[in-house]
Amino acid sequence: MRHAIAVIAAALALSVSVSSHASSQTDKMTACNKQATGKTGDDRKAFMSQCLSSAPVAASAPMTQQQKMKDCNKQATGKTGDDRKAFMSSCLSNKG
């Protein structure tokens, strides 16, 4: 009986660890994908490879306004006029 309880407890602990890792990887993929906006071909592949192999994304650290502006500016590359203004407004108002 004790052996069965120990096995169940170990399996539960392992499943929590795996799901936490999967969530972390999903968050990392989402963040890297967002940062790769505007990159194409080999440049995008190289960026994604480097981004995904780097340290985990810190979900609890909020982005500073300066970081947000830099990220939104990078994503707005190629947009002009009212399209750029609308995009920047939307991008900068997003939480995170």
N, C-alpha and C. Protein backbone atom coordinates (compact mmCIF):
# COMPACT_ATOMS: atom_id res chain seq x y z
N MET A 1 0.83 -1.19 0.00
CA MET A 1 0.00 0.00 0.00
C MET A 1 0.88 1.27 0.00
N ARG A 2 1.90 1.27 0.85
CA ARG A 2 2.79 2.43 0.91
C ARG A 2 3.51 2.62 -0.42
N HIS A 3 3.88 1.51 -1.03
CA HIS A 3 4.58 1.56 -2.31
C HIS A 3 3.67 2.19 -3.38
N ALA A 4 2.42 1.81 -3.39
CA ALA A 4 1.47 2.36 -4.36
C ALA A 4 1.28 3.86 -4.16
N ILE A 5 1.20 4.30 -2.92
CA ILE A 5 1.04 5.72 -2.62
C ILE A 5 2.29 6.49 -3.06
N ALA A 6 3.46 5.91 -2.81
CA ALA A 6 4.71 6.56 -3.21
C ALA A 6 4.79 6.69 -4.73
N VAL A 7 4.38 5.66 -5.45
CA VAL A 7 4.40 5.69 -6.91
C VAL A 7 3.43 6.76 -7.44
N ILE A 8 2.26 6.83 -6.86
CA ILE A 8 1.27 7.82 -7.28
C ILE A 8 1.79 9.24 -7.00
N ALA A 9 2.39 9.43 -5.83
CA ALA A 9 2.93 10.74 -5.47
C ALA A 9 4.05 11.15 -6.43
N ALA A 10 4.91 10.21 -6.77
CA ALA A 10 6.01 10.50 -7.69
C ALA A 10 5.47 10.84 -9.08
N ALA A 11 4.48 10.11 -9.53
CA ALA A 11 3.89 10.37 -10.84
C ALA A 11 3.22 11.75 -10.87
N LEU A 12 2.55 12.09 -9.80
CA LEU A 12 1.90 13.40 -9.71
C LEU A 12 2.94 14.52 -9.74
N ALA A 13 4.01 14.37 -8.98
CA ALA A 13 5.07 15.38 -8.95
C ALA A 13 5.71 15.53 -10.33
N LEU A 14 5.92 14.43 -11.01
CA LEU A 14 6.51 14.46 -12.34
C LEU A 14 5.59 15.16 -13.33
N SER A 15 4.30 14.90 -13.26
CA SER A 15 3.37 15.52 -14.20
C SER A 15 3.28 17.02 -13.97
N VAL A 16 3.36 17.47 -12.74
CA VAL A 16 3.33 18.90 -12.44
C VAL A 16 4.59 19.55 -13.01
N SER A 17 5.73 18.89 -12.85
CA SER A 17 6.99 19.42 -13.36
C SER A 17 6.96 19.51 -14.88
N VAL A 18 6.46 18.50 -15.56
CA VAL A 18 6.40 18.48 -17.02
C VAL A 18 5.46 19.55 -17.53
N SER A 19 4.29 19.70 -16.90
CA SER A 19 3.34 20.71 -17.38
C SER A 19 3.88 22.11 -17.13
N SER A 20 4.61 22.32 -16.06
CA SER A 20 5.21 23.62 -15.80
C SER A 20 6.25 23.94 -16.85
N HIS A 21 7.06 22.95 -17.23
CA HIS A 21 8.08 23.14 -18.25
C HIS A 21 7.44 23.44 -19.60
N ALA A 22 6.37 22.73 -19.93
CA ALA A 22 5.69 22.93 -21.20
C ALA A 22 5.11 24.34 -21.27
N SER A 23 4.55 24.82 -20.18
CA SER A 23 4.00 26.16 -20.13
C SER A 23 5.11 27.19 -20.32
N SER A 24 6.24 26.94 -19.68
CA SER A 24 7.38 27.84 -19.81
C SER A 24 7.88 27.88 -21.25
N GLN A 25 7.95 26.74 -21.90
CA GLN A 25 8.39 26.67 -23.29
C GLN A 25 7.40 27.38 -24.21
N THR A 26 6.11 27.23 -23.93
CA THR A 26 5.09 27.90 -24.72
C THR A 26 5.22 29.41 -24.58
N ASP A 27 5.43 29.88 -23.35
CA ASP A 27 5.61 31.32 -23.11
C ASP A 27 6.85 31.83 -23.85
N LYS A 28 7.91 31.04 -23.81
CA LYS A 28 9.16 31.42 -24.47
C LYS A 28 8.96 31.50 -25.99
N MET A 29 8.27 30.51 -26.56
CA MET A 29 8.01 30.50 -28.00
C MET A 29 7.18 31.71 -28.40
N THR A 30 6.18 32.04 -27.61
CA THR A 30 5.33 33.19 -27.89
C THR A 30 6.15 34.49 -27.86
N ALA A 31 6.98 34.65 -26.84
CA ALA A 31 7.79 35.86 -26.72
C ALA A 31 8.80 35.97 -27.87
N CYS A 32 9.46 34.87 -28.20
CA CYS A 32 10.44 34.89 -29.29
C CYS A 32 9.75 35.18 -30.63
N ASN A 33 8.59 34.59 -30.84
CA ASN A 33 7.83 34.82 -32.07
C ASN A 33 7.46 36.29 -32.21
N LYS A 34 7.06 36.90 -31.11
CA LYS A 34 6.68 38.31 -31.12
C LYS A 34 7.89 39.18 -31.46
N GLN A 35 9.03 38.84 -30.89
CA GLN A 35 10.24 39.62 -31.13
C GLN A 35 10.75 39.44 -32.57
N ALA A 36 10.42 38.32 -33.20
CA ALA A 36 10.91 38.03 -34.55
C ALA A 36 10.05 38.67 -35.64
N THR A 37 9.03 39.41 -35.26
CA THR A 37 8.16 40.06 -36.24
C THR A 37 9.00 40.92 -37.17
N GLY A 38 8.80 40.74 -38.47
CA GLY A 38 9.53 41.52 -39.47
C GLY A 38 10.76 40.82 -40.00
N LYS A 39 11.24 39.81 -39.30
CA LYS A 39 12.40 39.06 -39.77
C LYS A 39 11.90 37.95 -40.70
N THR A 40 12.69 37.63 -41.72
CA THR A 40 12.29 36.58 -42.67
C THR A 40 13.46 35.68 -42.99
N GLY A 41 13.16 34.52 -43.52
CA GLY A 41 14.16 33.58 -44.02
C GLY A 41 15.19 33.17 -43.00
N ASP A 42 16.45 33.15 -43.43
CA ASP A 42 17.54 32.69 -42.58
C ASP A 42 17.73 33.60 -41.37
N ASP A 43 17.45 34.89 -41.52
CA ASP A 43 17.58 35.83 -40.41
C ASP A 43 16.62 35.45 -39.28
N ARG A 44 15.37 35.12 -39.67
CA ARG A 44 14.37 34.72 -38.67
C ARG A 44 14.74 33.38 -38.02
N LYS A 45 15.19 32.42 -38.84
CA LYS A 45 15.58 31.12 -38.29
C LYS A 45 16.71 31.26 -37.27
N ALA A 46 17.71 32.07 -37.62
CA ALA A 46 18.85 32.28 -36.71
C ALA A 46 18.39 32.97 -35.43
N PHE A 47 17.53 33.98 -35.56
CA PHE A 47 17.03 34.69 -34.39
C PHE A 47 16.24 33.75 -33.48
N MET A 48 15.31 32.99 -34.07
CA MET A 48 14.48 32.08 -33.28
C MET A 48 15.34 31.03 -32.57
N SER A 49 16.33 30.50 -33.27
CA SER A 49 17.21 29.51 -32.67
C SER A 49 17.93 30.09 -31.46
N GLN A 50 18.48 31.29 -31.63
CA GLN A 50 19.20 31.93 -30.54
C GLN A 50 18.25 32.28 -29.39
N CYS A 51 17.09 32.81 -29.72
CA CYS A 51 16.12 33.23 -28.71
C CYS A 51 15.62 32.04 -27.89
N LEU A 52 15.28 30.95 -28.57
CA LEU A 52 14.74 29.78 -27.87
C LEU A 52 15.79 29.05 -27.05
N SER A 53 17.06 29.20 -27.41
CA SER A 53 18.11 28.51 -26.65
C SER A 53 18.62 29.35 -25.49
N SER A 54 18.20 30.60 -25.38
CA SER A 54 18.65 31.47 -24.30
C SER A 54 17.89 31.18 -23.02
N ALA A 55 18.21 31.92 -21.97
CA ALA A 55 17.59 31.73 -20.66
C ALA A 55 16.07 31.87 -20.74
N PRO A 56 15.35 31.23 -19.83
CA PRO A 56 13.88 31.29 -19.84
C PRO A 56 13.36 32.72 -19.71
N VAL A 57 12.20 32.94 -20.29
CA VAL A 57 11.56 34.25 -20.23
C VAL A 57 11.01 34.45 -18.83
N ALA A 58 11.29 35.59 -18.23
CA ALA A 58 10.80 35.90 -16.89
C ALA A 58 9.40 36.47 -17.02
N ALA A 59 8.40 35.68 -16.64
CA ALA A 59 7.02 36.10 -16.79
C ALA A 59 6.62 37.13 -15.74
N SER A 60 7.29 37.15 -14.60
CA SER A 60 6.88 38.03 -13.52
C SER A 60 7.46 39.44 -13.64
N ALA A 61 8.50 39.62 -14.42
CA ALA A 61 9.12 40.94 -14.55
C ALA A 61 8.38 41.76 -15.61
N PRO A 62 7.68 42.82 -15.19
CA PRO A 62 6.96 43.63 -16.16
C PRO A 62 7.92 44.42 -17.05
N MET A 63 7.49 44.66 -18.26
CA MET A 63 8.29 45.41 -19.21
C MET A 63 8.26 46.89 -18.84
N THR A 64 9.40 47.56 -18.90
CA THR A 64 9.41 49.00 -18.65
C THR A 64 8.83 49.70 -19.88
N GLN A 65 8.44 50.95 -19.72
CA GLN A 65 7.87 51.70 -20.84
C GLN A 65 8.90 51.82 -21.96
N GLN A 66 10.15 51.98 -21.58
CA GLN A 66 11.22 52.11 -22.58
C GLN A 66 11.38 50.80 -23.37
N GLN A 67 11.32 49.66 -22.67
CA GLN A 67 11.41 48.36 -23.35
C GLN A 67 10.22 48.17 -24.28
N LYS A 68 9.03 48.56 -23.80
CA LYS A 68 7.83 48.45 -24.62
C LYS A 68 7.96 49.27 -25.89
N MET A 69 8.44 50.51 -25.75
CA MET A 69 8.59 51.40 -26.89
C MET A 69 9.58 50.81 -27.90
N LYS A 70 10.68 50.28 -27.41
CA LYS A 70 11.69 49.69 -28.28
C LYS A 70 11.10 48.49 -29.04
N ASP A 71 10.39 47.62 -28.31
CA ASP A 71 9.80 46.43 -28.91
C ASP A 71 8.72 46.81 -29.94
N CYS A 72 7.86 47.75 -29.59
CA CYS A 72 6.81 48.17 -30.51
C CYS A 72 7.40 48.84 -31.75
N ASN A 73 8.43 49.66 -31.57
CA ASN A 73 9.10 50.30 -32.70
C ASN A 73 9.67 49.26 -33.66
N LYS A 74 10.26 48.23 -33.08
CA LYS A 74 10.85 47.16 -33.90
C LYS A 74 9.76 46.46 -34.71
N GLN A 75 8.62 46.21 -34.07
CA GLN A 75 7.51 45.53 -34.75
C GLN A 75 6.84 46.42 -35.80
N ALA A 76 6.94 47.74 -35.62
CA ALA A 76 6.27 48.67 -36.53
C ALA A 76 7.10 48.97 -37.78
N THR A 77 8.26 48.35 -37.90
CA THR A 77 9.11 48.59 -39.06
C THR A 77 8.31 48.32 -40.35
N GLY A 78 8.33 49.29 -41.25
CA GLY A 78 7.62 49.15 -42.52
C GLY A 78 6.25 49.79 -42.52
N LYS A 79 5.70 50.08 -41.34
CA LYS A 79 4.39 50.73 -41.28
C LYS A 79 4.61 52.25 -41.34
N THR A 80 3.68 52.96 -41.95
CA THR A 80 3.81 54.41 -42.07
C THR A 80 2.48 55.09 -41.81
N GLY A 81 2.54 56.38 -41.53
CA GLY A 81 1.35 57.21 -41.39
C GLY A 81 0.38 56.74 -40.33
N ASP A 82 -0.91 56.78 -40.67
CA ASP A 82 -1.96 56.41 -39.72
C ASP A 82 -1.87 54.95 -39.31
N ASP A 83 -1.43 54.09 -40.22
CA ASP A 83 -1.28 52.67 -39.91
C ASP A 83 -0.27 52.48 -38.77
N ARG A 84 0.86 53.19 -38.85
CA ARG A 84 1.89 53.10 -37.81
C ARG A 84 1.38 53.68 -36.49
N LYS A 85 0.70 54.83 -36.56
CA LYS A 85 0.16 55.46 -35.35
C LYS A 85 -0.81 54.53 -34.63
N ALA A 86 -1.71 53.91 -35.39
CA ALA A 86 -2.69 53.00 -34.81
C ALA A 86 -2.00 51.78 -34.21
N PHE A 87 -1.02 51.23 -34.93
CA PHE A 87 -0.30 50.07 -34.42
C PHE A 87 0.44 50.41 -33.13
N MET A 88 1.16 51.53 -33.12
CA MET A 88 1.94 51.92 -31.94
C MET A 88 1.02 52.16 -30.74
N SER A 89 -0.10 52.79 -30.98
CA SER A 89 -1.06 53.04 -29.90
C SER A 89 -1.54 51.72 -29.30
N SER A 90 -1.91 50.80 -30.17
CA SER A 90 -2.39 49.50 -29.72
C SER A 90 -1.29 48.72 -29.01
N CYS A 91 -0.10 48.72 -29.58
CA CYS A 91 1.02 47.97 -29.03
C CYS A 91 1.42 48.51 -27.66
N LEU A 92 1.51 49.82 -27.52
CA LEU A 92 1.95 50.40 -26.27
C LEU A 92 0.89 50.31 -25.17
N SER A 93 -0.37 50.17 -25.54
CA SER A 93 -1.43 50.07 -24.53
C SER A 93 -1.60 48.65 -24.00
N ASN A 94 -1.02 47.65 -24.69
CA ASN A 94 -1.12 46.27 -24.22
C ASN A 94 -0.37 46.08 -22.92
N LYS A 95 -0.91 45.28 -22.04
CA LYS A 95 -0.26 44.98 -20.76
C LYS A 95 0.88 44.02 -21.00
N GLY A 96 1.91 44.08 -20.12
CA GLY A 96 3.02 43.14 -20.21
C GLY A 96 4.24 43.84 -20.53
